[in-house]
Amino acid sequence: MQHYVIPNYQPWGLPLNETTMAQVFKEHGYYTSIIGKWHQGFSRKAYTPTKRGFDHHFGYLGAGIDYYNHTLDATAQNLSLGHDFRDNLAVSREHIGTYVTDLLTDAATELISKHDATEKPLFLFLAELAPHAGINDTPLQAPPEEVEKFAYIKDVNRRTYAGKLRQ
C-alpha cells in the first residue's frame, strides 16, 4: 500500500488484516458512516466500507467520479467503468444530475441533524471530491454560477478550480 493508490480496475484492496478507524469506533459503540469517496478497493465485498467497519456508506467506491452523472470513464486506459454511486452496496441513480459536492455535503448535514447521540455517538468520515484537480479522464467541473464569481481569473482551469472550492 505504500507505492500508489488503488486503481479502480485492480483486484485488491486495503489488506483485510488492517484495522480501520471505523472498526475501532464501532467496537467502542459508535454509529459509523462514510459519506463520499472510499477508494480502498472494491473488487470483493470484503473490501467495501460496510464490511470494513462502517454501518453506512453513501458515495462512491472508486477513485473519482463525474461531478454530475457520477460515472467514471478512464479514457487513457480505454476503460468505461460506469456508474459509481451507492447507498451502502446498492447502486443509487436517483441523484444523477446533482453536483456531487452538494449531494455529499447535504447527506452529511442530514445525518448529523438526524443522529440521536443519546443512543450512540457518531463517527462520520466525510470524503469530498471537490479538492481534487482534474486530469485527462476527469476534467475540472464546477457549477457555472460558482465559476462566474471568479471571472477575474484569466486561466479557465484555475477559475473552475476556484469555483469548485468556493462552495
C-alpha atoms as a PDB file:
ATOM      1  CA  MET A   1       0.000   0.000   0.000  1.00  0.00           C
ATOM      2  CA  GLN A   2       2.975   2.336   0.133  1.00  0.00           C
ATOM      3  CA  HIS A   3       3.554   2.514  -3.601  1.00  0.00           C
ATOM      4  CA  TYR A   4       0.427   4.135  -5.087  1.00  0.00           C
ATOM      5  CA  VAL A   5      -3.318   4.458  -4.736  1.00  0.00           C
ATOM      6  CA  ILE A   6      -5.611   1.555  -5.598  1.00  0.00           C
ATOM      7  CA  PRO A   7      -6.804   1.988  -9.196  1.00  0.00           C
ATOM      8  CA  ASN A   8     -10.464   1.131  -9.777  1.00  0.00           C
ATOM      9  CA  TYR A   9      -9.646  -1.799 -12.026  1.00  0.00           C
ATOM     10  CA  GLN A  10      -7.284  -3.582  -9.595  1.00  0.00           C
ATOM     11  CA  PRO A  11      -8.348  -6.866  -7.956  1.00  0.00           C
ATOM     12  CA  TRP A  12      -7.163  -5.928  -4.469  1.00  0.00           C
ATOM     13  CA  GLY A  13      -7.870  -3.504  -1.662  1.00  0.00           C
ATOM     14  CA  LEU A  14      -6.788  -2.419   1.781  1.00  0.00           C
ATOM     15  CA  PRO A  15      -5.466  -5.661   3.295  1.00  0.00           C
ATOM     16  CA  LEU A  16      -8.155  -7.365   5.328  1.00  0.00           C
ATOM     17  CA  ASN A  17      -5.787  -7.812   8.268  1.00  0.00           C
ATOM     18  CA  GLU A  18      -5.534  -4.000   8.601  1.00  0.00           C
ATOM     19  CA  THR A  19      -7.897  -2.459  11.152  1.00  0.00           C
ATOM     20  CA  THR A  20      -9.777   0.632  10.014  1.00  0.00           C
ATOM     21  CA  MET A  21     -10.702   3.602  12.185  1.00  0.00           C
ATOM     22  CA  ALA A  22     -14.340   2.695  11.613  1.00  0.00           C
ATOM     23  CA  GLN A  23     -13.780  -0.762  13.092  1.00  0.00           C
ATOM     24  CA  VAL A  24     -12.214   0.760  16.204  1.00  0.00           C
ATOM     25  CA  PHE A  25     -15.002   3.321  16.636  1.00  0.00           C
ATOM     26  CA  LYS A  26     -17.669   0.667  16.059  1.00  0.00           C
ATOM     27  CA  GLU A  27     -16.073  -1.584  18.700  1.00  0.00           C
ATOM     28  CA  HIS A  28     -16.425   1.333  21.118  1.00  0.00           C
ATOM     29  CA  GLY A  29     -20.146   1.728  20.479  1.00  0.00           C
ATOM     30  CA  TYR A  30     -20.221   4.379  17.757  1.00  0.00           C
ATOM     31  CA  TYR A  31     -22.529   4.529  14.769  1.00  0.00           C
ATOM     32  CA  THR A  32     -20.091   4.767  11.860  1.00  0.00           C
ATOM     33  CA  SER A  33     -20.742   6.367   8.497  1.00  0.00           C
ATOM     34  CA  ILE A  34     -18.673   7.263   5.465  1.00  0.00           C
ATOM     35  CA  ILE A  35     -20.038   9.784   3.014  1.00  0.00           C
ATOM     36  CA  GLY A  36     -18.101  10.278  -0.207  1.00  0.00           C
ATOM     37  CA  LYS A  37     -15.002   8.609  -1.562  1.00  0.00           C
ATOM     38  CA  TRP A  38     -13.980   5.143  -0.329  1.00  0.00           C
ATOM     39  CA  HIS A  39     -11.032   4.350  -2.649  1.00  0.00           C
ATOM     40  CA  GLN A  40      -9.732   1.434  -0.570  1.00  0.00           C
ATOM     41  CA  GLY A  41     -10.618  -1.269  -3.087  1.00  0.00           C
ATOM     42  CA  PHE A  42     -13.894  -2.902  -4.019  1.00  0.00           C
ATOM     43  CA  SER A  43     -13.120  -5.939  -6.162  1.00  0.00           C
ATOM     44  CA  ARG A  44     -14.591  -8.145  -3.419  1.00  0.00           C
ATOM     45  CA  LYS A  45     -17.403  -7.339  -0.981  1.00  0.00           C
ATOM     46  CA  ALA A  46     -14.950  -7.886   1.864  1.00  0.00           C
ATOM     47  CA  TYR A  47     -13.075  -4.735   0.761  1.00  0.00           C
ATOM     48  CA  THR A  48     -16.129  -2.450   0.771  1.00  0.00           C
ATOM     49  CA  PRO A  49     -16.877   0.102   3.521  1.00  0.00           C
ATOM     50  CA  THR A  50     -19.804  -1.706   5.147  1.00  0.00           C
ATOM     51  CA  LYS A  51     -17.595  -4.778   5.503  1.00  0.00           C
ATOM     52  CA  ARG A  52     -14.730  -2.711   6.964  1.00  0.00           C
ATOM     53  CA  GLY A  53     -16.464  -1.230   9.999  1.00  0.00           C
ATOM     54  CA  PHE A  54     -18.858   1.324   8.560  1.00  0.00           C
ATOM     55  CA  ASP A  55     -22.545   0.926   9.364  1.00  0.00           C
ATOM     56  CA  HIS A  56     -23.419   3.136   6.418  1.00  0.00           C
ATOM     57  CA  HIS A  57     -21.839   4.307   3.164  1.00  0.00           C
ATOM     58  CA  PHE A  58     -23.255   6.940   0.825  1.00  0.00           C
ATOM     59  CA  GLY A  59     -20.961   7.800  -2.041  1.00  0.00           C
ATOM     60  CA  TYR A  60     -18.643   6.124  -4.480  1.00  0.00           C
ATOM     61  CA  LEU A  61     -16.223   3.242  -4.149  1.00  0.00           C
ATOM     62  CA  GLY A  62     -13.519   4.209  -6.628  1.00  0.00           C
ATOM     63  CA  ALA A  63     -11.005   6.963  -7.196  1.00  0.00           C
ATOM     64  CA  GLY A  64     -13.358   9.611  -8.501  1.00  0.00           C
ATOM     65  CA  ILE A  65     -16.499  10.250 -10.487  1.00  0.00           C
ATOM     66  CA  ASP A  66     -18.013  12.812 -12.799  1.00  0.00           C
ATOM     67  CA  TYR A  67     -19.464  15.589 -10.643  1.00  0.00           C
ATOM     68  CA  TYR A  68     -22.890  15.396 -12.284  1.00  0.00           C
ATOM     69  CA  ASN A  69     -23.546  11.958 -13.796  1.00  0.00           C
ATOM     70  CA  HIS A  70     -21.497  10.049 -11.174  1.00  0.00           C
ATOM     71  CA  THR A  71     -19.699   7.837 -13.686  1.00  0.00           C
ATOM     72  CA  LEU A  72     -16.038   7.191 -14.291  1.00  0.00           C
ATOM     73  CA  ASP A  73     -14.598   6.847 -17.748  1.00  0.00           C
ATOM     74  CA  ALA A  74     -10.870   6.185 -17.860  1.00  0.00           C
ATOM     75  CA  THR A  75     -10.272   7.113 -21.480  1.00  0.00           C
ATOM     76  CA  ALA A  76      -6.481   6.991 -21.134  1.00  0.00           C
ATOM     77  CA  GLN A  77      -6.805   3.281 -20.276  1.00  0.00           C
ATOM     78  CA  ASN A  78      -9.651   2.780 -22.781  1.00  0.00           C
ATOM     79  CA  LEU A  79     -11.981   1.792 -19.936  1.00  0.00           C
ATOM     80  CA  SER A  80     -15.525   2.782 -19.163  1.00  0.00           C
ATOM     81  CA  LEU A  81     -16.104   1.949 -15.535  1.00  0.00           C
ATOM     82  CA  GLY A  82     -19.719   3.091 -15.493  1.00  0.00           C
ATOM     83  CA  HIS A  83     -21.903   4.497 -12.748  1.00  0.00           C
ATOM     84  CA  ASP A  84     -20.309   4.510  -9.297  1.00  0.00           C
ATOM     85  CA  PHE A  85     -22.627   5.958  -6.695  1.00  0.00           C
ATOM     86  CA  ARG A  86     -24.084   3.870  -3.916  1.00  0.00           C
ATOM     87  CA  ASP A  87     -26.180   3.841  -0.809  1.00  0.00           C
ATOM     88  CA  ASN A  88     -24.446   1.063   1.088  1.00  0.00           C
ATOM     89  CA  LEU A  89     -23.874  -1.550  -1.622  1.00  0.00           C
ATOM     90  CA  ALA A  90     -26.991  -0.670  -3.629  1.00  0.00           C
ATOM     91  CA  VAL A  91     -26.402   1.326  -6.804  1.00  0.00           C
ATOM     92  CA  SER A  92     -28.067   4.732  -6.464  1.00  0.00           C
ATOM     93  CA  ARG A  93     -29.079   6.570  -9.627  1.00  0.00           C
ATOM     94  CA  GLU A  94     -31.695   8.853  -8.107  1.00  0.00           C
ATOM     95  CA  HIS A  95     -29.255  11.761  -7.742  1.00  0.00           C
ATOM     96  CA  ILE A  96     -27.879  11.829 -11.303  1.00  0.00           C
ATOM     97  CA  GLY A  97     -27.559  15.462 -12.334  1.00  0.00           C
ATOM     98  CA  THR A  98     -26.899  16.709  -8.799  1.00  0.00           C
ATOM     99  CA  TYR A  99     -23.473  18.269  -8.254  1.00  0.00           C
ATOM    100  CA  VAL A 100     -21.678  15.715  -6.101  1.00  0.00           C
ATOM    101  CA  THR A 101     -20.256  18.249  -3.622  1.00  0.00           C
ATOM    102  CA  ASP A 102     -23.772  19.438  -2.819  1.00  0.00           C
ATOM    103  CA  LEU A 103     -25.034  15.860  -2.638  1.00  0.00           C
ATOM    104  CA  LEU A 104     -22.355  14.702  -0.184  1.00  0.00           C
ATOM    105  CA  THR A 105     -22.495  17.827   1.965  1.00  0.00           C
ATOM    106  CA  ASP A 106     -26.285  17.669   2.197  1.00  0.00           C
ATOM    107  CA  ALA A 107     -26.144  13.975   3.134  1.00  0.00           C
ATOM    108  CA  ALA A 108     -23.605  14.664   5.891  1.00  0.00           C
ATOM    109  CA  THR A 109     -25.632  17.588   7.226  1.00  0.00           C
ATOM    110  CA  GLU A 110     -28.789  15.483   7.258  1.00  0.00           C
ATOM    111  CA  LEU A 111     -27.065  12.579   9.010  1.00  0.00           C
ATOM    112  CA  ILE A 112     -25.682  14.859  11.715  1.00  0.00           C
ATOM    113  CA  SER A 113     -29.004  16.616  12.278  1.00  0.00           C
ATOM    114  CA  LYS A 114     -30.987  13.362  12.488  1.00  0.00           C
ATOM    115  CA  HIS A 115     -28.478  11.394  14.555  1.00  0.00           C
ATOM    116  CA  ASP A 116     -29.502  10.728  18.152  1.00  0.00           C
ATOM    117  CA  ALA A 117     -26.266  10.907  20.118  1.00  0.00           C
ATOM    118  CA  THR A 118     -28.036   9.719  23.259  1.00  0.00           C
ATOM    119  CA  GLU A 119     -28.294   6.272  21.652  1.00  0.00           C
ATOM    120  CA  LYS A 120     -24.805   6.083  20.147  1.00  0.00           C
ATOM    121  CA  PRO A 121     -22.077   8.604  19.426  1.00  0.00           C
ATOM    122  CA  LEU A 122     -21.412   9.299  15.742  1.00  0.00           C
ATOM    123  CA  PHE A 123     -18.222   8.774  13.781  1.00  0.00           C
ATOM    124  CA  LEU A 124     -18.650  10.397  10.372  1.00  0.00           C
ATOM    125  CA  PHE A 125     -15.932  10.297   7.742  1.00  0.00           C
ATOM    126  CA  LEU A 126     -16.745  12.832   5.015  1.00  0.00           C
ATOM    127  CA  ALA A 127     -14.502  12.441   1.964  1.00  0.00           C
ATOM    128  CA  GLU A 128     -15.347  15.147  -0.560  1.00  0.00           C
ATOM    129  CA  LEU A 129     -14.336  15.010  -4.219  1.00  0.00           C
ATOM    130  CA  ALA A 130     -14.084  18.809  -4.545  1.00  0.00           C
ATOM    131  CA  PRO A 131     -10.399  19.362  -3.622  1.00  0.00           C
ATOM    132  CA  HIS A 132      -9.201  17.057  -6.390  1.00  0.00           C
ATOM    133  CA  ALA A 133      -7.793  18.654  -9.506  1.00  0.00           C
ATOM    134  CA  GLY A 134      -8.938  17.398 -12.874  1.00  0.00           C
ATOM    135  CA  ILE A 135      -6.900  15.090 -15.050  1.00  0.00           C
ATOM    136  CA  ASN A 136      -7.372  13.939 -18.633  1.00  0.00           C
ATOM    137  CA  ASP A 137     -10.113  11.478 -17.705  1.00  0.00           C
ATOM    138  CA  THR A 138     -11.927  13.747 -15.262  1.00  0.00           C
ATOM    139  CA  PRO A 139     -11.877  17.404 -16.243  1.00  0.00           C
ATOM    140  CA  LEU A 140     -12.499  20.133 -13.715  1.00  0.00           C
ATOM    141  CA  GLN A 141     -16.200  20.634 -13.061  1.00  0.00           C
ATOM    142  CA  ALA A 142     -17.999  23.248 -11.006  1.00  0.00           C
ATOM    143  CA  PRO A 143     -21.426  24.865 -11.051  1.00  0.00           C
ATOM    144  CA  PRO A 144     -21.372  27.723 -13.591  1.00  0.00           C
ATOM    145  CA  GLU A 145     -22.720  30.196 -11.029  1.00  0.00           C
ATOM    146  CA  GLU A 146     -19.724  29.452  -8.787  1.00  0.00           C
ATOM    147  CA  VAL A 147     -17.213  29.733 -11.643  1.00  0.00           C
ATOM    148  CA  GLU A 148     -18.697  33.110 -12.650  1.00  0.00           C
ATOM    149  CA  LYS A 149     -17.742  34.529  -9.245  1.00  0.00           C
ATOM    150  CA  PHE A 150     -14.106  34.225 -10.329  1.00  0.00           C
ATOM    151  CA  ALA A 151     -14.365  35.888 -13.738  1.00  0.00           C
ATOM    152  CA  TYR A 152     -11.281  37.968 -12.886  1.00  0.00           C
ATOM    153  CA  ILE A 153      -9.125  34.801 -13.044  1.00  0.00           C
ATOM    154  CA  LYS A 154      -7.985  34.546 -16.667  1.00  0.00           C
ATOM    155  CA  ASP A 155      -6.954  30.888 -16.744  1.00  0.00           C
ATOM    156  CA  VAL A 156     -10.124  28.814 -17.205  1.00  0.00           C
ATOM    157  CA  ASN A 157      -8.780  25.833 -15.233  1.00  0.00           C
ATOM    158  CA  ARG A 158      -7.806  27.977 -12.257  1.00  0.00           C
ATOM    159  CA  ARG A 159     -11.153  29.780 -12.433  1.00  0.00           C
ATOM    160  CA  THR A 160     -13.047  26.472 -12.485  1.00  0.00           C
ATOM    161  CA  TYR A 161     -10.960  25.085  -9.625  1.00  0.00           C
ATOM    162  CA  ALA A 162     -11.719  28.199  -7.575  1.00  0.00           C
ATOM    163  CA  GLY A 163     -15.412  27.633  -8.310  1.00  0.00           C
ATOM    164  CA  LYS A 164     -15.126  24.053  -7.046  1.00  0.00           C
ATOM    165  CA  LEU A 165     -13.617  25.143  -3.762  1.00  0.00           C
ATOM    166  CA  ARG A 166     -15.867  28.180  -3.277  1.00  0.00           C
ATOM    167  CA  GLN A 167     -18.690  26.052  -2.029  1.00  0.00           C
END
